[in-house]
């Protein structure tokens, strides 16, 4: 084989190796932990009803972030904490078509989609604890179909919630939110919890349940962005858009009027370390985060 043929053979082999490597790299799934908050928002938010349209508050990502693990569901998106056994936050959108006549399915169940080896909180894990299996994304926000309602009963959507907080104060806020949608608005909601130690129906402060596998939060919060029903939602959010931020103590002696616990988005950011509304222009973010709703 002369030198020219050898050189041609070597060059051909190199081209094949390079092409193979490129193809292999294209087929490798992206690790969400390497994506920025805005990149994750682009991946997960599709159109006006994207669950992460307003941003990824904690920069949640892949399995390399076990206490900030991004889980993209059809009807909501969340950041899950493996060690706490609860979501850090859950984000979703409500429009008129999400509200129907489907009855509450009540099918609490473990989330088998968690990574292999992670503890799966069970439907019985809260039994006898004095705390409710408190929804982050409520059953009542997903009544258009049996599938959408059933999806809210995964235990990765639950937090240990003082019964009066869950059944009264929080229920009143959820009902009010849905009344806005029924009156012609659509809303973007982010709900979560932080801290450790709540007071349930048994009295006293409880830090964990389920043999230490589930942390009882000290506080439960929610942020609601309210828009008139329409399209191109992100571009319609301005410094004058209504934002409702609420932060409640996780106690059974709570005031049933959720308005008592209104605060600013900025205060919730300070308590959690998250960055909310990050998809919006900086000037709009700054204005909205300072507001305390008074309607």
Protein backbone atom coordinates (compact mmCIF):
# COMPACT_ATOMS: atom_id res chain seq x y z
CA UNK A 1 0.00 0.00 0.00
CA UNK A 2 1.65 3.30 -1.06
CA UNK A 3 1.78 6.44 1.10
CA UNK A 4 -1.15 8.19 -0.67
CA UNK A 5 -3.47 5.22 -0.11
CA UNK A 6 -2.39 4.95 3.53
CA UNK A 7 -3.11 8.66 4.13
CA UNK A 8 -6.53 8.32 2.51
CA UNK A 9 -7.33 5.29 4.69
CA UNK A 10 -6.28 7.06 7.90
CA UNK A 11 -8.34 10.17 7.03
CA UNK A 12 -11.43 8.04 6.28
CA UNK A 13 -11.15 6.24 9.61
CA UNK A 14 -10.81 9.54 11.48
CA UNK A 15 -13.95 10.88 9.81
CA UNK A 16 -15.88 7.78 10.82
CA UNK A 17 -14.74 8.08 14.46
CA UNK A 18 -15.66 11.79 14.62
CA UNK A 19 -19.11 11.16 13.11
CA UNK A 20 -19.73 8.33 15.57
CA UNK A 21 -18.78 10.50 18.54
CA UNK A 22 -21.07 13.30 17.39
CA UNK A 23 -23.99 10.92 17.04
CA UNK A 24 -23.34 9.42 20.48
CA UNK A 25 -23.23 12.86 22.06
CA UNK A 26 -26.50 13.84 20.41
CA UNK A 27 -28.21 10.78 21.85
CA UNK A 28 -27.09 11.38 25.43
CA UNK A 29 -29.92 12.81 27.57
CA UNK A 30 -29.23 16.15 29.16
CA UNK A 31 -28.69 16.23 32.92
CA UNK A 32 -31.13 18.84 34.21
CA UNK A 33 -28.67 19.76 36.95
CA UNK A 34 -26.46 21.44 34.35
CA UNK A 35 -29.26 23.58 32.93
CA UNK A 36 -29.87 27.13 34.04
CA UNK A 37 -33.19 28.23 35.47
CA UNK A 38 -34.16 29.92 32.20
CA UNK A 39 -33.14 26.84 30.17
CA UNK A 40 -35.32 24.61 32.33
CA UNK A 41 -38.16 27.06 31.91
CA UNK A 42 -37.81 26.86 28.13
CA UNK A 43 -37.74 23.05 28.24
CA UNK A 44 -40.78 22.63 30.46
CA UNK A 45 -43.05 25.55 29.64
CA UNK A 46 -44.98 25.11 26.43
CA UNK A 47 -47.28 27.98 25.55
CA UNK A 48 -49.45 29.89 27.98
CA UNK A 49 -50.21 26.87 30.15
CA UNK A 50 -46.59 25.94 30.89
CA UNK A 51 -46.23 24.99 34.54
CA UNK A 52 -42.86 26.74 34.72
CA UNK A 53 -43.74 29.74 32.61
CA UNK A 54 -42.67 32.12 35.38
CA UNK A 55 -39.36 30.37 36.04
CA UNK A 56 -37.69 27.63 38.07
CA UNK A 57 -37.46 29.19 41.56
CA UNK A 58 -34.70 27.01 42.99
CA UNK A 59 -32.87 25.98 39.82
CA UNK A 60 -34.11 22.42 40.35
CA UNK A 61 -32.41 19.80 38.22
CA UNK A 62 -31.46 16.14 37.87
CA UNK A 63 -30.58 13.29 40.24
CA UNK A 64 -27.32 14.99 41.16
CA UNK A 65 -29.52 17.41 43.13
CA UNK A 66 -31.43 14.96 45.36
CA UNK A 67 -32.88 17.72 47.54
CA UNK A 68 -33.77 19.94 44.61
CA UNK A 69 -34.92 17.34 42.09
CA UNK A 70 -37.02 18.55 39.17
CA UNK A 71 -40.11 16.44 38.45
CA UNK A 72 -42.13 17.45 35.40
CA UNK A 73 -45.67 16.11 35.61
CA UNK A 74 -48.42 16.68 33.08
CA UNK A 75 -50.54 18.78 35.43
CA UNK A 76 -47.86 20.46 37.57
CA UNK A 77 -44.09 20.67 38.01
CA UNK A 78 -42.18 20.40 41.27
CA UNK A 79 -38.87 20.46 43.05
CA UNK A 80 -38.64 17.42 45.34
CA UNK A 81 -36.45 16.91 48.40
CA UNK A 82 -35.42 13.29 48.92
CA UNK A 83 -34.30 13.88 52.50
CA UNK A 84 -37.38 15.84 53.54
CA UNK A 85 -39.80 13.49 51.74
CA UNK A 86 -41.81 16.49 50.49
CA UNK A 87 -41.73 18.95 47.60
CA UNK A 88 -39.83 22.18 48.10
CA UNK A 89 -42.32 23.84 45.76
CA UNK A 90 -44.95 22.94 43.18
CA UNK A 91 -45.82 25.18 40.22
CA UNK A 92 -48.93 25.07 38.03
CA UNK A 93 -51.40 27.05 35.93
CA UNK A 94 -55.18 27.21 36.27
CA UNK A 95 -57.54 28.27 33.50
CA UNK A 96 -61.24 27.68 33.00
CA UNK A 97 -60.71 24.41 31.13
CA UNK A 98 -58.96 22.91 34.18
CA UNK A 99 -62.13 23.19 36.27
CA UNK A 100 -64.87 20.68 35.59
CA UNK A 101 -67.21 18.30 37.37
CA UNK A 102 -64.90 15.38 38.16
CA UNK A 103 -65.27 14.19 41.74
CA UNK A 104 -62.31 13.98 44.11
CA UNK A 105 -60.60 10.65 43.45
CA UNK A 106 -58.91 10.35 46.89
CA UNK A 107 -56.35 7.89 45.53
CA UNK A 108 -53.32 8.83 47.61
CA UNK A 109 -50.34 6.77 46.44
CA UNK A 110 -46.55 6.58 46.38
CA UNK A 111 -44.78 8.12 43.41
CA UNK A 112 -42.99 5.23 41.71
CA UNK A 113 -41.28 7.59 39.26
CA UNK A 114 -38.75 8.65 41.90
CA UNK A 115 -35.15 7.60 41.17
CA UNK A 116 -34.17 4.05 42.08
CA UNK A 117 -33.21 3.66 45.72
CA UNK A 118 -35.07 6.74 46.96
CA UNK A 119 -37.60 6.27 49.74
CA UNK A 120 -41.17 6.47 48.47
CA UNK A 121 -43.57 8.12 50.92
CA UNK A 122 -46.66 5.93 51.19
CA UNK A 123 -50.36 6.79 51.39
CA UNK A 124 -50.24 5.58 55.03
CA UNK A 125 -47.08 7.47 56.00
CA UNK A 126 -49.01 10.30 57.70
CA UNK A 127 -51.39 7.98 59.62
CA UNK A 128 -51.67 8.78 63.34
CA UNK A 129 -49.33 11.75 63.05
CA UNK A 130 -51.88 14.50 63.67
CA UNK A 131 -51.14 16.00 60.24
CA UNK A 132 -53.11 15.93 57.00
CA UNK A 133 -51.73 14.81 53.68
CA UNK A 134 -51.79 18.40 52.45
CA UNK A 135 -51.87 18.96 48.71
CA UNK A 136 -49.56 21.53 47.17
CA UNK A 137 -51.40 21.49 43.82
CA UNK A 138 -54.98 21.00 45.06
CA UNK A 139 -57.38 18.33 43.91
CA UNK A 140 -59.93 21.08 43.28
CA UNK A 141 -57.66 22.79 40.74
CA UNK A 142 -57.72 19.68 38.54
CA UNK A 143 -61.34 18.59 38.05
CA UNK A 144 -61.52 18.51 34.24
CA UNK A 145 -60.82 14.77 34.12
CA UNK A 146 -60.22 11.74 36.31
CA UNK A 147 -56.60 11.58 35.17
CA UNK A 148 -55.87 15.18 36.07
CA UNK A 149 -57.49 14.83 39.49
CA UNK A 150 -55.78 11.53 40.26
CA UNK A 151 -52.40 13.09 39.43
CA UNK A 152 -52.71 15.45 42.39
CA UNK A 153 -52.84 12.52 44.84
CA UNK A 154 -49.24 11.41 44.35
CA UNK A 155 -47.38 11.66 47.66
CA UNK A 156 -44.67 13.77 46.00
CA UNK A 157 -47.36 16.50 45.88
CA UNK A 158 -48.04 16.26 49.65
CA UNK A 159 -46.74 17.96 52.78
CA UNK A 160 -47.62 17.32 56.45
CA UNK A 161 -50.14 20.08 57.12
CA UNK A 162 -51.91 20.95 60.36
CA UNK A 163 -55.58 19.94 59.84
CA UNK A 164 -57.06 23.40 60.50
CA UNK A 165 -54.47 24.97 58.21
CA UNK A 166 -55.30 22.50 55.44
CA UNK A 167 -59.07 22.22 55.83
CA UNK A 168 -59.87 25.82 56.71
CA UNK A 169 -57.28 28.55 56.04
CA UNK A 170 -55.70 26.89 53.01
CA UNK A 171 -59.02 25.60 51.67
CA UNK A 172 -60.43 29.13 51.85
CA UNK A 173 -57.47 30.46 49.83
CA UNK A 174 -57.82 27.67 47.26
CA UNK A 175 -61.55 28.32 46.88
CA UNK A 176 -60.91 32.03 46.45
CA UNK A 177 -58.29 31.34 43.77
CA UNK A 178 -60.71 29.17 41.80
CA UNK A 179 -63.40 31.84 42.11
CA UNK A 180 -61.06 34.22 40.28
CA UNK A 181 -60.72 31.72 37.43
CA UNK A 182 -64.46 31.17 37.27
CA UNK A 183 -64.91 34.93 37.06
CA UNK A 184 -62.74 35.22 33.94
CA UNK A 185 -59.13 35.16 35.12
CA UNK A 186 -56.35 32.63 34.77
CA UNK A 187 -53.69 32.21 37.44
CA UNK A 188 -50.15 30.94 37.84
CA UNK A 189 -49.50 29.41 41.24
CA UNK A 190 -46.39 28.38 43.14
CA UNK A 191 -46.86 26.67 46.51
CA UNK A 192 -44.33 25.27 48.95
CA UNK A 193 -43.08 24.89 52.47
CA UNK A 194 -39.91 25.41 54.49
CA UNK A 195 -38.47 25.08 57.97
CA UNK A 196 -38.99 22.28 60.46
CA UNK A 197 -41.54 21.83 63.23
CA UNK A 198 -45.32 22.19 63.08
CA UNK A 199 -48.20 21.68 65.48
CA UNK A 200 -50.91 19.26 64.40
CA UNK A 201 -54.05 17.94 66.06
CA UNK A 202 -52.06 16.03 68.71
CA UNK A 203 -50.52 19.21 70.13
CA UNK A 204 -46.87 19.97 70.69
CA UNK A 205 -44.25 20.64 68.04
CA UNK A 206 -43.48 17.76 65.69
CA UNK A 207 -40.36 17.87 63.52
CA UNK A 208 -40.69 14.63 61.55
CA UNK A 209 -43.16 11.80 60.93
CA UNK A 210 -42.95 8.37 59.28
CA UNK A 211 -40.00 7.32 61.47
CA UNK A 212 -38.05 10.42 60.54
CA UNK A 213 -38.47 10.01 56.81
CA UNK A 214 -40.84 12.97 56.31
CA UNK A 215 -40.07 16.47 57.62
CA UNK A 216 -42.91 18.55 59.08
CA UNK A 217 -42.50 22.13 57.80
CA UNK A 218 -42.84 25.17 60.03
CA UNK A 219 -44.31 27.34 57.27
CA UNK A 220 -46.46 26.92 54.17
CA UNK A 221 -46.50 29.59 51.48
CA UNK A 222 -48.15 30.36 48.16
CA UNK A 223 -47.69 32.91 45.34
CA UNK A 224 -50.55 33.57 42.90
CA UNK A 225 -50.20 35.70 39.75
CA UNK A 226 -53.59 36.80 38.42
CA UNK A 227 -54.29 37.66 34.77
CA UNK A 228 -57.40 38.26 32.70
CA UNK A 229 -57.97 35.18 30.54
CA UNK A 230 -56.02 35.55 27.31
CA UNK A 231 -52.90 34.50 25.39
CA UNK A 232 -49.20 35.39 25.39
CA UNK A 233 -49.37 35.44 29.15
CA UNK A 234 -45.74 36.23 29.91
CA UNK A 235 -45.84 39.41 27.85
CA UNK A 236 -49.06 40.52 29.59
CA UNK A 237 -47.56 40.50 33.09
CA UNK A 238 -46.65 44.06 34.08
CA UNK A 239 -45.72 45.98 37.21
CA UNK A 240 -49.45 46.49 37.87
CA UNK A 241 -50.40 42.78 37.67
CA UNK A 242 -52.06 41.43 40.80
CA UNK A 243 -49.85 39.12 42.85
CA UNK A 244 -51.08 37.42 46.03
CA UNK A 245 -48.37 36.11 48.37
CA UNK A 246 -49.31 34.25 51.55
CA UNK A 247 -47.11 32.70 54.24
CA UNK A 248 -48.80 30.75 57.04
CA UNK A 249 -47.44 29.02 60.14
CA UNK A 250 -48.08 25.27 60.08
CA UNK A 251 -50.12 25.21 63.27
CA UNK A 252 -53.57 23.99 64.21
CA UNK A 253 -54.48 27.20 66.06
CA UNK A 254 -54.23 29.19 62.83
CA UNK A 255 -56.60 32.02 61.88
CA UNK A 256 -59.07 30.76 59.27
CA UNK A 257 -58.82 34.04 57.30
CA UNK A 258 -55.94 33.59 54.85
CA UNK A 259 -55.78 37.36 54.29
CA UNK A 260 -54.24 37.65 57.76
CA UNK A 261 -51.09 36.04 56.38
CA UNK A 262 -50.56 38.10 53.24
CA UNK A 263 -46.96 39.14 52.66
CA UNK A 264 -44.64 40.05 49.78
CA UNK A 265 -42.93 37.74 47.33
CA UNK A 266 -39.66 39.30 48.49
CA UNK A 267 -40.28 38.15 52.05
CA UNK A 268 -40.89 34.58 50.87
CA UNK A 269 -37.68 34.76 48.83
CA UNK A 270 -35.79 35.82 51.93
CA UNK A 271 -37.23 32.91 53.92
CA UNK A 272 -36.63 30.26 51.24
CA UNK A 273 -33.61 31.48 49.28
CA UNK A 274 -35.55 31.06 46.01
CA UNK A 275 -35.80 33.43 43.07
CA UNK A 276 -39.41 33.80 41.94
CA UNK A 277 -40.80 35.27 38.71
CA UNK A 278 -37.36 34.97 37.11
CA UNK A 279 -38.77 34.80 33.56
CA UNK A 280 -40.04 38.37 33.80
CA UNK A 281 -38.06 41.54 32.97
CA UNK A 282 -36.02 42.73 35.95
CA UNK A 283 -38.01 45.93 36.44
CA UNK A 284 -41.31 44.01 36.49
CA UNK A 285 -39.89 41.44 38.92
CA UNK A 286 -38.72 44.15 41.28
CA UNK A 287 -42.09 45.90 41.33
CA UNK A 288 -44.14 42.73 41.80
CA UNK A 289 -41.93 41.30 44.53
CA UNK A 290 -42.42 44.34 46.77
CA UNK A 291 -46.23 44.24 46.64
CA UNK A 292 -48.48 43.09 49.48
CA UNK A 293 -51.94 42.35 48.14
CA UNK A 294 -54.77 44.31 49.77
CA UNK A 295 -57.85 43.53 47.63
